[in-house]
Amino acid sequence: MKPSAQTARVAFSLFLRRIRLLRRAMRHRHDLTAVRDVTAGIHPEAILGFACIRNERLRLPYFLDHARRLGINHFLVVDNGSDDGSLEYLAEQPDISLWQTGAGYKASRFGVDWTTWLQARYGHGHWCLTLDADELLIYPHWETRDLRALTGWLDGQGQPMFPAMMLDLFPKGPLTAHPYAAGDDPLVHLHWFDHGNYSVQVQPRMRNFWIQGGPRSRALLADPRRGPTLNKVPLVRWRRDYVYVNSTHSLLPARLNRFYAEDGGEQASGVLLHTKFLSSAPERSGIEKARGEHFFDSSLFSGYYDALIADPDLWHRHAQRFQGWRHLEALGLMSRGGWV
């Protein structure tokens, strides 16, 4: 088959896949029941935040405050059967529209079907930031230049997306030795990260990055090849025909995955500080192992859960202490590109 014909065939196959995923999300909208819908007040220029959560009452105060400081104007959140007060807490927030569901997390593509429906319904034309509750987005100059400044620059560059690498943070010593309370800054407890054990590939079909490594691959998984994908595209100028394929790791249309320079240069990127390894992680791991909702074949990750339940010390003598975005840029984990 000639390369041009093969390219056209791949493009058509990805188009059909995008249509199937959008239709799937439309079907799964029936899983959702509105708890508090104030979307009528969304301003046309609002920057929107999307999340699907379950039992994140501890993390929510700081997670929301951080996103508000970045410049999120309105949140659209799906609560998947929380029983720890998360639903009630979210329902009290004036800048949150909230839906709930008791449907299966795995059966909804790990919540992506639900957020895809909300993005298509409410996110069209908006810059949309999609996060898990254990992710904190930072980027060059984030303390002094909010998302309005960043997205304005991205619009000027004709770039409808902004990528970020997920960076696992961990404490020194057992996880439970650093008790976390609601509202705490997670970075008070999580100081450390791996900086040099990452592999990077470009997936040929959708041309998306595939980064693996960090402490989960190093210390928690018997087979590092099963390590989590650490690249995401969390910030997108959304259109109703866009769809995330696998969490926020890749998108369709595939052009949205081409956020990297192929000529040896650099393009602007951020980092998602991943706060999974708080003191609550061992207990949560036991619960999630029993639920079996976080992997398509959870039996393959039984050892991963067991390693977390054992309250590990992920620190090692080559770990780097987190010192801010300039440090991460110097290590090559984020880039200013033309954003100065």
C-alpha atoms as a PDB file:
ATOM      1  CA  MET A   1       0.000   0.000   0.000  1.00  0.00           C
ATOM      2  CA  LYS A   2       1.342   3.438  -0.925  1.00  0.00           C
ATOM      3  CA  PRO A   3       2.144   5.707   2.049  1.00  0.00           C
ATOM      4  CA  SER A   4      -0.494   8.266   1.029  1.00  0.00           C
ATOM      5  CA  ALA A   5      -3.201   5.618   0.850  1.00  0.00           C
ATOM      6  CA  GLN A   6      -2.114   4.187   4.203  1.00  0.00           C
ATOM      7  CA  THR A   7      -2.198   7.639   5.770  1.00  0.00           C
ATOM      8  CA  ALA A   8      -5.708   8.205   4.465  1.00  0.00           C
ATOM      9  CA  ARG A   9      -6.841   4.845   5.788  1.00  0.00           C
ATOM     10  CA  VAL A  10      -5.457   5.589   9.264  1.00  0.00           C
ATOM     11  CA  ALA A  11      -7.082   9.033   9.231  1.00  0.00           C
ATOM     12  CA  PHE A  12     -10.464   7.556   8.309  1.00  0.00           C
ATOM     13  CA  SER A  13     -10.127   4.873  10.985  1.00  0.00           C
ATOM     14  CA  LEU A  14      -9.389   7.542  13.619  1.00  0.00           C
ATOM     15  CA  PHE A  15     -12.351   9.595  12.393  1.00  0.00           C
ATOM     16  CA  LEU A  16     -14.653   6.607  12.883  1.00  0.00           C
ATOM     17  CA  ARG A  17     -13.178   5.980  16.319  1.00  0.00           C
ATOM     18  CA  ARG A  18     -13.845   9.589  17.312  1.00  0.00           C
ATOM     19  CA  ILE A  19     -17.468   9.316  16.179  1.00  0.00           C
ATOM     20  CA  ARG A  20     -17.904   6.088  18.168  1.00  0.00           C
ATOM     21  CA  LEU A  21     -16.457   7.664  21.314  1.00  0.00           C
ATOM     22  CA  LEU A  22     -18.655  10.749  20.999  1.00  0.00           C
ATOM     23  CA  ARG A  23     -21.760   8.601  20.518  1.00  0.00           C
ATOM     24  CA  ARG A  24     -20.732   6.493  23.497  1.00  0.00           C
ATOM     25  CA  ALA A  25     -20.461   9.624  25.644  1.00  0.00           C
ATOM     26  CA  MET A  26     -23.898  10.714  24.500  1.00  0.00           C
ATOM     27  CA  ARG A  27     -25.347   7.393  25.639  1.00  0.00           C
ATOM     28  CA  HIS A  28     -23.607   7.654  29.010  1.00  0.00           C
ATOM     29  CA  ARG A  29     -25.118  11.084  29.679  1.00  0.00           C
ATOM     30  CA  HIS A  30     -28.098   9.159  31.036  1.00  0.00           C
ATOM     31  CA  ASP A  31     -25.882   7.960  33.904  1.00  0.00           C
ATOM     32  CA  LEU A  32     -25.726  11.510  35.273  1.00  0.00           C
ATOM     33  CA  THR A  33     -28.146  13.247  37.609  1.00  0.00           C
ATOM     34  CA  ALA A  34     -27.738  16.967  38.184  1.00  0.00           C
ATOM     35  CA  VAL A  35     -27.202  17.943  41.819  1.00  0.00           C
ATOM     36  CA  ARG A  36     -26.459  21.619  41.230  1.00  0.00           C
ATOM     37  CA  ASP A  37     -26.540  23.028  37.695  1.00  0.00           C
ATOM     38  CA  VAL A  38     -25.564  26.696  37.442  1.00  0.00           C
ATOM     39  CA  THR A  39     -24.115  26.433  33.942  1.00  0.00           C
ATOM     40  CA  ALA A  40     -26.492  29.151  32.741  1.00  0.00           C
ATOM     41  CA  GLY A  41     -24.183  31.632  34.461  1.00  0.00           C
ATOM     42  CA  ILE A  42     -21.058  30.576  32.540  1.00  0.00           C
ATOM     43  CA  HIS A  43     -19.551  33.617  30.807  1.00  0.00           C
ATOM     44  CA  PRO A  44     -18.596  33.171  27.123  1.00  0.00           C
ATOM     45  CA  GLU A  45     -14.931  33.840  27.983  1.00  0.00           C
ATOM     46  CA  ALA A  46     -14.861  31.648  31.104  1.00  0.00           C
ATOM     47  CA  ILE A  47     -12.076  29.112  31.558  1.00  0.00           C
ATOM     48  CA  LEU A  48     -13.679  25.873  32.681  1.00  0.00           C
ATOM     49  CA  GLY A  49     -12.463  23.049  34.912  1.00  0.00           C
ATOM     50  CA  PHE A  50     -13.666  19.445  34.529  1.00  0.00           C
ATOM     51  CA  ALA A  51     -13.181  16.561  36.950  1.00  0.00           C
ATOM     52  CA  CYS A  52     -14.601  13.171  37.867  1.00  0.00           C
ATOM     53  CA  ILE A  53     -14.068  12.306  41.525  1.00  0.00           C
ATOM     54  CA  ARG A  54     -14.851   9.722  44.163  1.00  0.00           C
ATOM     55  CA  ASN A  55     -14.155  10.155  47.891  1.00  0.00           C
ATOM     56  CA  GLU A  56     -11.756  13.086  47.574  1.00  0.00           C
ATOM     57  CA  ARG A  57     -12.978  15.158  50.533  1.00  0.00           C
ATOM     58  CA  LEU A  58      -9.425  15.487  51.873  1.00  0.00           C
ATOM     59  CA  ARG A  59      -7.969  16.788  48.617  1.00  0.00           C
ATOM     60  CA  LEU A  60     -10.817  18.929  47.346  1.00  0.00           C
ATOM     61  CA  PRO A  61     -10.210  22.166  49.329  1.00  0.00           C
ATOM     62  CA  TYR A  62      -6.631  22.618  48.152  1.00  0.00           C
ATOM     63  CA  PHE A  63      -7.304  21.194  44.676  1.00  0.00           C
ATOM     64  CA  LEU A  64     -10.087  23.711  44.079  1.00  0.00           C
ATOM     65  CA  ASP A  65      -8.183  26.618  45.619  1.00  0.00           C
ATOM     66  CA  HIS A  66      -5.163  25.927  43.417  1.00  0.00           C
ATOM     67  CA  ALA A  67      -7.303  25.759  40.280  1.00  0.00           C
ATOM     68  CA  ARG A  68      -9.068  28.985  41.257  1.00  0.00           C
ATOM     69  CA  ARG A  69      -5.714  30.702  41.736  1.00  0.00           C
ATOM     70  CA  LEU A  70      -4.764  29.601  38.244  1.00  0.00           C
ATOM     71  CA  GLY A  71      -7.895  31.250  36.902  1.00  0.00           C
ATOM     72  CA  ILE A  72     -10.600  28.593  36.560  1.00  0.00           C
ATOM     73  CA  ASN A  73     -13.929  30.450  36.526  1.00  0.00           C
ATOM     74  CA  HIS A  74     -16.343  27.540  36.727  1.00  0.00           C
ATOM     75  CA  PHE A  75     -16.024  23.834  37.519  1.00  0.00           C
ATOM     76  CA  LEU A  76     -18.113  20.990  36.093  1.00  0.00           C
ATOM     77  CA  VAL A  77     -17.691  17.946  38.328  1.00  0.00           C
ATOM     78  CA  VAL A  78     -19.029  14.396  38.301  1.00  0.00           C
ATOM     79  CA  ASP A  79     -19.171  12.628  41.678  1.00  0.00           C
ATOM     80  CA  ASN A  80     -19.071   8.867  41.249  1.00  0.00           C
ATOM     81  CA  GLY A  81     -20.729   7.572  44.405  1.00  0.00           C
ATOM     82  CA  SER A  82     -18.717   9.338  47.115  1.00  0.00           C
ATOM     83  CA  ASP A  83     -19.627   8.484  50.696  1.00  0.00           C
ATOM     84  CA  ASP A  84     -17.050  10.643  52.517  1.00  0.00           C
ATOM     85  CA  GLY A  85     -18.795  14.027  52.268  1.00  0.00           C
ATOM     86  CA  SER A  86     -17.314  15.011  48.892  1.00  0.00           C
ATOM     87  CA  LEU A  87     -20.727  15.406  47.270  1.00  0.00           C
ATOM     88  CA  GLU A  88     -22.056  17.630  50.029  1.00  0.00           C
ATOM     89  CA  TYR A  89     -18.883  19.751  50.048  1.00  0.00           C
ATOM     90  CA  LEU A  90     -18.971  20.255  46.283  1.00  0.00           C
ATOM     91  CA  ALA A  91     -22.669  21.134  46.343  1.00  0.00           C
ATOM     92  CA  GLU A  92     -21.882  24.076  48.644  1.00  0.00           C
ATOM     93  CA  GLN A  93     -19.404  25.681  46.230  1.00  0.00           C
ATOM     94  CA  PRO A  94     -20.916  28.577  44.263  1.00  0.00           C
ATOM     95  CA  ASP A  95     -18.650  28.110  41.229  1.00  0.00           C
ATOM     96  CA  ILE A  96     -19.359  24.393  40.742  1.00  0.00           C
ATOM     97  CA  SER A  97     -21.985  22.645  38.651  1.00  0.00           C
ATOM     98  CA  LEU A  98     -22.287  19.131  39.997  1.00  0.00           C
ATOM     99  CA  TRP A  99     -23.598  15.813  38.738  1.00  0.00           C
ATOM    100  CA  GLN A 100     -23.676  12.480  40.510  1.00  0.00           C
ATOM    101  CA  THR A 101     -23.770   8.880  39.320  1.00  0.00           C
ATOM    102  CA  GLY A 102     -23.583   5.421  40.823  1.00  0.00           C
ATOM    103  CA  ALA A 103     -22.726   3.824  37.474  1.00  0.00           C
ATOM    104  CA  GLY A 104     -19.522   1.871  36.964  1.00  0.00           C
ATOM    105  CA  TYR A 105     -16.314   3.875  36.657  1.00  0.00           C
ATOM    106  CA  LYS A 106     -14.632   1.271  34.449  1.00  0.00           C
ATOM    107  CA  ALA A 107     -17.737   0.960  32.254  1.00  0.00           C
ATOM    108  CA  SER A 108     -17.620   4.709  31.550  1.00  0.00           C
ATOM    109  CA  ARG A 109     -14.016   4.544  30.265  1.00  0.00           C
ATOM    110  CA  PHE A 110     -12.878   5.529  33.754  1.00  0.00           C
ATOM    111  CA  GLY A 111     -15.128   8.589  33.808  1.00  0.00           C
ATOM    112  CA  VAL A 112     -14.069   9.915  30.393  1.00  0.00           C
ATOM    113  CA  ASP A 113     -17.503   9.250  28.863  1.00  0.00           C
ATOM    114  CA  TRP A 114     -19.114  11.471  31.497  1.00  0.00           C
ATOM    115  CA  THR A 115     -16.677  14.366  31.184  1.00  0.00           C
ATOM    116  CA  THR A 116     -16.757  14.090  27.368  1.00  0.00           C
ATOM    117  CA  TRP A 117     -20.509  14.657  27.438  1.00  0.00           C
ATOM    118  CA  LEU A 118     -20.139  17.692  29.695  1.00  0.00           C
ATOM    119  CA  GLN A 119     -17.329  19.088  27.542  1.00  0.00           C
ATOM    120  CA  ALA A 120     -19.402  18.687  24.389  1.00  0.00           C
ATOM    121  CA  ARG A 121     -22.472  20.240  26.047  1.00  0.00           C
ATOM    122  CA  TYR A 122     -20.839  23.123  27.922  1.00  0.00           C
ATOM    123  CA  GLY A 123     -17.188  23.402  26.898  1.00  0.00           C
ATOM    124  CA  HIS A 124     -17.498  24.246  23.190  1.00  0.00           C
ATOM    125  CA  GLY A 125     -15.429  27.353  22.469  1.00  0.00           C
ATOM    126  CA  HIS A 126     -13.962  27.521  25.979  1.00  0.00           C
ATOM    127  CA  TRP A 127     -10.505  26.744  27.223  1.00  0.00           C
ATOM    128  CA  CYS A 128     -11.080  23.634  29.349  1.00  0.00           C
ATOM    129  CA  LEU A 129      -8.756  22.224  32.008  1.00  0.00           C
ATOM    130  CA  THR A 130      -9.456  18.567  32.820  1.00  0.00           C
ATOM    131  CA  LEU A 131      -7.826  17.208  35.959  1.00  0.00           C
ATOM    132  CA  ASP A 132      -7.974  14.435  38.526  1.00  0.00           C
ATOM    133  CA  ALA A 133      -8.279  15.599  42.121  1.00  0.00           C
ATOM    134  CA  ASP A 134      -4.704  14.504  42.813  1.00  0.00           C
ATOM    135  CA  GLU A 135      -3.236  16.706  40.040  1.00  0.00           C
ATOM    136  CA  LEU A 136      -2.003  20.288  40.395  1.00  0.00           C
ATOM    137  CA  LEU A 137      -1.083  22.047  37.159  1.00  0.00           C
ATOM    138  CA  ILE A 138       1.946  24.326  37.120  1.00  0.00           C
ATOM    139  CA  TYR A 139       3.707  25.921  34.158  1.00  0.00           C
ATOM    140  CA  PRO A 140       6.415  28.534  33.577  1.00  0.00           C
ATOM    141  CA  HIS A 141       5.585  31.746  35.484  1.00  0.00           C
ATOM    142  CA  TRP A 142       2.391  30.218  36.875  1.00  0.00           C
ATOM    143  CA  GLU A 143       2.662  32.173  40.127  1.00  0.00           C
ATOM    144  CA  THR A 144       2.450  35.530  38.304  1.00  0.00           C
ATOM    145  CA  ARG A 145       0.739  34.706  34.980  1.00  0.00           C
ATOM    146  CA  ASP A 146      -2.642  33.056  35.212  1.00  0.00           C
ATOM    147  CA  LEU A 147      -4.418  30.861  32.705  1.00  0.00           C
ATOM    148  CA  ARG A 148      -5.948  33.908  31.058  1.00  0.00           C
ATOM    149  CA  ALA A 149      -2.452  35.069  30.126  1.00  0.00           C
ATOM    150  CA  LEU A 150      -1.322  31.593  29.083  1.00  0.00           C
ATOM    151  CA  THR A 151      -4.369  30.818  26.949  1.00  0.00           C
ATOM    152  CA  GLY A 152      -4.218  34.267  25.364  1.00  0.00           C
ATOM    153  CA  TRP A 153      -0.667  33.523  24.296  1.00  0.00           C
ATOM    154  CA  LEU A 154      -1.667  30.052  23.053  1.00  0.00           C
ATOM    155  CA  ASP A 155      -4.482  31.604  20.994  1.00  0.00           C
ATOM    156  CA  GLY A 156      -1.953  34.002  19.484  1.00  0.00           C
ATOM    157  CA  GLN A 157       0.281  31.064  18.582  1.00  0.00           C
ATOM    158  CA  GLY A 158      -2.609  29.189  16.976  1.00  0.00           C
ATOM    159  CA  GLN A 159      -2.074  26.343  19.470  1.00  0.00           C
ATOM    160  CA  PRO A 160      -5.375  24.986  20.831  1.00  0.00           C
ATOM    161  CA  MET A 161      -3.800  22.779  23.516  1.00  0.00           C
ATOM    162  CA  PHE A 162      -1.182  22.799  26.247  1.00  0.00           C
ATOM    163  CA  PRO A 163       0.591  19.599  27.350  1.00  0.00           C
ATOM    164  CA  ALA A 164       1.985  18.639  30.732  1.00  0.00           C
ATOM    165  CA  MET A 165       4.032  15.796  32.126  1.00  0.00           C
ATOM    166  CA  MET A 166       2.663  14.097  35.229  1.00  0.00           C
ATOM    167  CA  LEU A 167       5.296  14.131  37.981  1.00  0.00           C
ATOM    168  CA  ASP A 168       4.801  11.754  40.914  1.00  0.00           C
ATOM    169  CA  LEU A 169       5.761  13.408  44.205  1.00  0.00           C
ATOM    170  CA  PHE A 170       6.538  11.387  47.332  1.00  0.00           C
ATOM    171  CA  PRO A 171       7.716  11.905  50.921  1.00  0.00           C
ATOM    172  CA  LYS A 172      10.846  10.596  52.604  1.00  0.00           C
ATOM    173  CA  GLY A 173       9.856   7.645  54.751  1.00  0.00           C
ATOM    174  CA  PRO A 174       6.620   5.618  54.914  1.00  0.00           C
ATOM    175  CA  LEU A 175       3.623   7.394  53.425  1.00  0.00           C
ATOM    176  CA  THR A 176       1.577   7.263  56.624  1.00  0.00           C
ATOM    177  CA  ALA A 177       4.382   8.991  58.557  1.00  0.00           C
ATOM    178  CA  HIS A 178       3.264  12.299  57.013  1.00  0.00           C
ATOM    179  CA  PRO A 179      -0.390  12.799  58.060  1.00  0.00           C
ATOM    180  CA  TYR A 180      -2.394  14.946  55.664  1.00  0.00           C
ATOM    181  CA  ALA A 181      -5.393  17.062  56.690  1.00  0.00           C
ATOM    182  CA  ALA A 182      -8.019  18.656  54.451  1.00  0.00           C
ATOM    183  CA  GLY A 183      -6.860  22.034  53.205  1.00  0.00           C
ATOM    184  CA  ASP A 184      -3.150  21.310  53.638  1.00  0.00           C
ATOM    185  CA  ASP A 185      -0.813  22.133  50.786  1.00  0.00           C
ATOM    186  CA  PRO A 186       0.236  18.648  49.596  1.00  0.00           C
ATOM    187  CA  LEU A 187       3.710  19.978  48.828  1.00  0.00           C
ATOM    188  CA  VAL A 188       4.277  20.422  52.566  1.00  0.00           C
ATOM    189  CA  HIS A 189       4.270  16.617  52.763  1.00  0.00           C
ATOM    190  CA  LEU A 190       5.470  15.572  49.301  1.00  0.00           C
ATOM    191  CA  HIS A 191       8.919  17.027  48.615  1.00  0.00           C
ATOM    192  CA  TRP A 192      10.628  14.526  46.322  1.00  0.00           C
ATOM    193  CA  PHE A 193      10.501  13.175  42.774  1.00  0.00           C
ATOM    194  CA  ASP A 194      12.430  11.046  40.264  1.00  0.00           C
ATOM    195  CA  HIS A 195      14.099  13.127  37.584  1.00  0.00           C
ATOM    196  CA  GLY A 196      16.033  10.796  35.302  1.00  0.00           C
ATOM    197  CA  ASN A 197      14.357   7.407  34.818  1.00  0.00           C
ATOM    198  CA  TYR A 198      11.919   8.291  32.034  1.00  0.00           C
ATOM    199  CA  SER A 199      11.468   6.794  28.589  1.00  0.00           C
ATOM    200  CA  VAL A 200       9.835   8.747  25.754  1.00  0.00           C
ATOM    201  CA  GLN A 201       8.280   7.403  22.571  1.00  0.00           C
ATOM    202  CA  VAL A 202       5.982   8.799  19.903  1.00  0.00           C
ATOM    203  CA  GLN A 203       3.082   6.477  19.150  1.00  0.00           C
ATOM    204  CA  PRO A 204       2.904   6.072  15.374  1.00  0.00           C
ATOM    205  CA  ARG A 205      -0.867   5.887  14.952  1.00  0.00           C
ATOM    206  CA  MET A 206      -1.990   9.108  16.659  1.00  0.00           C
ATOM    207  CA  ARG A 207       1.476  10.709  16.930  1.00  0.00           C
ATOM    208  CA  ASN A 208       1.008  11.162  20.668  1.00  0.00           C
ATOM    209  CA  PHE A 209       3.783  11.099  23.252  1.00  0.00           C
ATOM    210  CA  TRP A 210       4.197   8.113  25.525  1.00  0.00           C
ATOM    211  CA  ILE A 211       6.268   8.843  28.640  1.00  0.00           C
ATOM    212  CA  GLN A 212       6.824   6.198  31.316  1.00  0.00           C
ATOM    213  CA  GLY A 213       8.948   6.048  34.450  1.00  0.00           C
ATOM    214  CA  GLY A 214       8.955   7.590  37.907  1.00  0.00           C
ATOM    215  CA  PRO A 215       8.479   5.862  41.265  1.00  0.00           C
ATOM    216  CA  ARG A 216       5.544   3.712  40.228  1.00  0.00           C
ATOM    217  CA  SER A 217       7.558   2.032  37.488  1.00  0.00           C
ATOM    218  CA  ARG A 218      10.688   1.979  39.657  1.00  0.00           C
ATOM    219  CA  ALA A 219       9.337   0.665  42.947  1.00  0.00           C
ATOM    220  CA  LEU A 220       5.706  -0.465  42.747  1.00  0.00           C
ATOM    221  CA  LEU A 221       5.374  -2.522  39.565  1.00  0.00           C
ATOM    222  CA  ALA A 222       7.061  -5.862  38.917  1.00  0.00           C
ATOM    223  CA  ASP A 223       7.038  -5.095  35.184  1.00  0.00           C
ATOM    224  CA  PRO A 224       8.000  -1.444  34.447  1.00  0.00           C
ATOM    225  CA  ARG A 225       6.530  -1.846  30.959  1.00  0.00           C
ATOM    226  CA  ARG A 226       3.137  -1.680  32.655  1.00  0.00           C
ATOM    227  CA  GLY A 227       4.061   1.668  34.141  1.00  0.00           C
ATOM    228  CA  PRO A 228       1.533   4.488  33.863  1.00  0.00           C
ATOM    229  CA  THR A 229       1.497   6.919  30.973  1.00  0.00           C
ATOM    230  CA  LEU A 230       2.840  10.202  32.332  1.00  0.00           C
ATOM    231  CA  ASN A 231       2.075  12.614  29.488  1.00  0.00           C
ATOM    232  CA  LYS A 232      -1.235  14.456  29.361  1.00  0.00           C
ATOM    233  CA  VAL A 233      -2.924  17.229  27.413  1.00  0.00           C
ATOM    234  CA  PRO A 234      -5.066  18.710  30.195  1.00  0.00           C
ATOM    235  CA  LEU A 235      -5.722  22.191  28.739  1.00  0.00           C
ATOM    236  CA  VAL A 236      -7.596  22.443  25.429  1.00  0.00           C
ATOM    237  CA  ARG A 237      -9.572  25.094  23.543  1.00  0.00           C
ATOM    238  CA  TRP A 238     -12.505  22.725  23.293  1.00  0.00           C
ATOM    239  CA  ARG A 239     -14.795  21.953  20.394  1.00  0.00           C
ATOM    240  CA  ARG A 240     -17.798  19.690  20.659  1.00  0.00           C
ATOM    241  CA  ASP A 241     -16.293  17.227  18.166  1.00  0.00           C
ATOM    242  CA  TYR A 242     -13.149  16.678  20.268  1.00  0.00           C
ATOM    243  CA  VAL A 243     -12.741  13.649  22.494  1.00  0.00           C
ATOM    244  CA  TYR A 244     -10.152  12.253  24.888  1.00  0.00           C
ATOM    245  CA  VAL A 245      -9.166   8.707  23.984  1.00  0.00           C
ATOM    246  CA  ASN A 246      -7.423   7.505  27.138  1.00  0.00           C
ATOM    247  CA  SER A 247      -7.864   9.717  30.197  1.00  0.00           C
ATOM    248  CA  THR A 248      -6.275  12.999  29.075  1.00  0.00           C
ATOM    249  CA  HIS A 249      -3.232  11.243  27.615  1.00  0.00           C
ATOM    250  CA  SER A 250      -4.315  11.628  23.979  1.00  0.00           C
ATOM    251  CA  LEU A 251      -7.083  13.195  21.914  1.00  0.00           C
ATOM    252  CA  LEU A 252      -8.889  13.007  18.638  1.00  0.00           C
ATOM    253  CA  PRO A 253      -8.584  14.644  16.159  1.00  0.00           C
ATOM    254  CA  ALA A 254      -4.995  13.429  16.236  1.00  0.00           C
ATOM    255  CA  ARG A 255      -3.570  16.848  15.343  1.00  0.00           C
ATOM    256  CA  LEU A 256      -4.189  17.838  18.966  1.00  0.00           C
ATOM    257  CA  ASN A 257      -1.421  15.429  19.996  1.00  0.00           C
ATOM    258  CA  ARG A 258       1.213  17.252  17.921  1.00  0.00           C
ATOM    259  CA  PHE A 259       2.324  19.606  20.666  1.00  0.00           C
ATOM    260  CA  TYR A 260       6.028  18.820  20.436  1.00  0.00           C
ATOM    261  CA  ALA A 261       8.710  20.282  18.161  1.00  0.00           C
ATOM    262  CA  GLU A 262      10.090  17.832  15.623  1.00  0.00           C
ATOM    263  CA  ASP A 263      12.936  20.093  14.456  1.00  0.00           C
ATOM    264  CA  GLY A 264      15.046  19.925  17.607  1.00  0.00           C
ATOM    265  CA  GLY A 265      13.420  22.965  19.189  1.00  0.00           C
ATOM    266  CA  GLU A 266      11.122  23.203  22.204  1.00  0.00           C
ATOM    267  CA  GLN A 267       7.474  24.022  22.691  1.00  0.00           C
ATOM    268  CA  ALA A 268       5.921  25.323  25.888  1.00  0.00           C
ATOM    269  CA  SER A 269       4.735  22.715  28.369  1.00  0.00           C
ATOM    270  CA  GLY A 270       3.798  22.379  32.026  1.00  0.00           C
ATOM    271  CA  VAL A 271       3.831  19.772  34.763  1.00  0.00           C
ATOM    272  CA  LEU A 272       1.007  18.068  36.631  1.00  0.00           C
ATOM    273  CA  LEU A 273       2.229  17.630  40.194  1.00  0.00           C
ATOM    274  CA  HIS A 274       0.761  14.248  41.108  1.00  0.00           C
ATOM    275  CA  THR A 275      -0.137  14.034  44.805  1.00  0.00           C
ATOM    276  CA  LYS A 276      -1.227  10.401  44.853  1.00  0.00           C
ATOM    277  CA  PHE A 277       1.240   9.409  47.579  1.00  0.00           C
ATOM    278  CA  LEU A 278      -0.282  11.213  50.524  1.00  0.00           C
ATOM    279  CA  SER A 279      -0.742   9.428  53.837  1.00  0.00           C
ATOM    280  CA  SER A 280      -4.175   8.184  52.745  1.00  0.00           C
ATOM    281  CA  ALA A 281      -2.742   6.170  49.816  1.00  0.00           C
ATOM    282  CA  PRO A 282      -2.292   2.797  51.592  1.00  0.00           C
ATOM    283  CA  GLU A 283      -5.877   2.737  52.892  1.00  0.00           C
ATOM    284  CA  ARG A 284      -7.303   3.919  49.564  1.00  0.00           C
ATOM    285  CA  SER A 285      -5.318   1.262  47.727  1.00  0.00           C
ATOM    286  CA  GLY A 286      -6.964  -1.464  49.785  1.00  0.00           C
ATOM    287  CA  ILE A 287     -10.388  -0.047  48.952  1.00  0.00           C
ATOM    288  CA  GLU A 288      -9.649   0.309  45.237  1.00  0.00           C
ATOM    289  CA  LYS A 289      -8.145  -3.165  45.012  1.00  0.00           C
ATOM    290  CA  ALA A 290     -11.421  -4.552  46.347  1.00  0.00           C
ATOM    291  CA  ARG A 291     -13.513  -2.396  43.975  1.00  0.00           C
ATOM    292  CA  GLY A 292     -11.496  -3.379  40.887  1.00  0.00           C
ATOM    293  CA  GLU A 293     -12.620  -0.301  38.973  1.00  0.00           C
ATOM    294  CA  HIS A 294      -9.309   1.331  38.026  1.00  0.00           C
ATOM    295  CA  PHE A 295      -7.862  -1.067  35.456  1.00  0.00           C
ATOM    296  CA  PHE A 296      -9.443  -3.085  32.659  1.00  0.00           C
ATOM    297  CA  ASP A 297      -7.794  -6.189  34.132  1.00  0.00           C
ATOM    298  CA  SER A 298      -7.286  -5.359  37.799  1.00  0.00           C
ATOM    299  CA  SER A 299      -5.804  -8.794  38.533  1.00  0.00           C
ATOM    300  CA  LEU A 300      -2.665  -7.750  36.640  1.00  0.00           C
ATOM    301  CA  PHE A 301      -2.127  -4.928  39.131  1.00  0.00           C
ATOM    302  CA  SER A 302      -2.728  -6.822  42.358  1.00  0.00           C
ATOM    303  CA  GLY A 303       0.957  -6.553  43.234  1.00  0.00           C
ATOM    304  CA  TYR A 304       0.875  -2.796  42.660  1.00  0.00           C
ATOM    305  CA  TYR A 305      -1.962  -2.389  45.145  1.00  0.00           C
ATOM    306  CA  ASP A 306      -0.248  -4.691  47.635  1.00  0.00           C
ATOM    307  CA  ALA A 307       2.958  -2.633  47.397  1.00  0.00           C
ATOM    308  CA  LEU A 308       1.026   0.536  48.250  1.00  0.00           C
ATOM    309  CA  ILE A 309      -0.980  -1.118  51.014  1.00  0.00           C
ATOM    310  CA  ALA A 310       2.373  -2.033  52.613  1.00  0.00           C
ATOM    311  CA  ASP A 311       3.040   1.699  53.177  1.00  0.00           C
ATOM    312  CA  PRO A 312       6.288   1.947  51.187  1.00  0.00           C
ATOM    313  CA  ASP A 313       9.175   4.382  51.468  1.00  0.00           C
ATOM    314  CA  LEU A 314       9.636   5.597  47.872  1.00  0.00           C
ATOM    315  CA  TRP A 315      12.577   7.847  48.663  1.00  0.00           C
ATOM    316  CA  HIS A 316      16.077   7.034  47.369  1.00  0.00           C
ATOM    317  CA  ARG A 317      19.397   8.849  47.471  1.00  0.00           C
ATOM    318  CA  HIS A 318      19.108  10.071  43.879  1.00  0.00           C
ATOM    319  CA  ALA A 319      15.686  11.646  44.425  1.00  0.00           C
ATOM    320  CA  GLN A 320      15.393  15.368  43.697  1.00  0.00           C
ATOM    321  CA  ARG A 321      13.739  17.768  46.119  1.00  0.00           C
ATOM    322  CA  PHE A 322      11.036  19.877  44.502  1.00  0.00           C
ATOM    323  CA  GLN A 323      12.130  23.516  44.280  1.00  0.00           C
ATOM    324  CA  GLY A 324       9.663  25.069  41.864  1.00  0.00           C
ATOM    325  CA  TRP A 325       9.055  25.337  38.152  1.00  0.00           C
ATOM    326  CA  ARG A 326      12.472  26.783  37.269  1.00  0.00           C
ATOM    327  CA  HIS A 327      14.086  23.691  38.758  1.00  0.00           C
ATOM    328  CA  LEU A 328      11.823  21.448  36.671  1.00  0.00           C
ATOM    329  CA  GLU A 329      12.644  23.462  33.560  1.00  0.00           C
ATOM    330  CA  ALA A 330      16.368  23.117  34.234  1.00  0.00           C
ATOM    331  CA  LEU A 331      15.898  19.341  34.450  1.00  0.00           C
ATOM    332  CA  GLY A 332      14.040  19.302  31.113  1.00  0.00           C
ATOM    333  CA  LEU A 333      10.681  18.294  32.603  1.00  0.00           C
ATOM    334  CA  MET A 334       8.876  21.411  31.380  1.00  0.00           C
ATOM    335  CA  SER A 335       9.681  24.157  28.903  1.00  0.00           C
ATOM    336  CA  ARG A 336       8.942  27.818  28.337  1.00  0.00           C
ATOM    337  CA  GLY A 337       9.293  27.448  24.573  1.00  0.00           C
ATOM    338  CA  GLY A 338       8.266  30.866  23.263  1.00  0.00           C
ATOM    339  CA  TRP A 339       6.300  31.649  26.434  1.00  0.00           C
ATOM    340  CA  VAL A 340       8.562  34.121  28.227  1.00  0.00           C
END
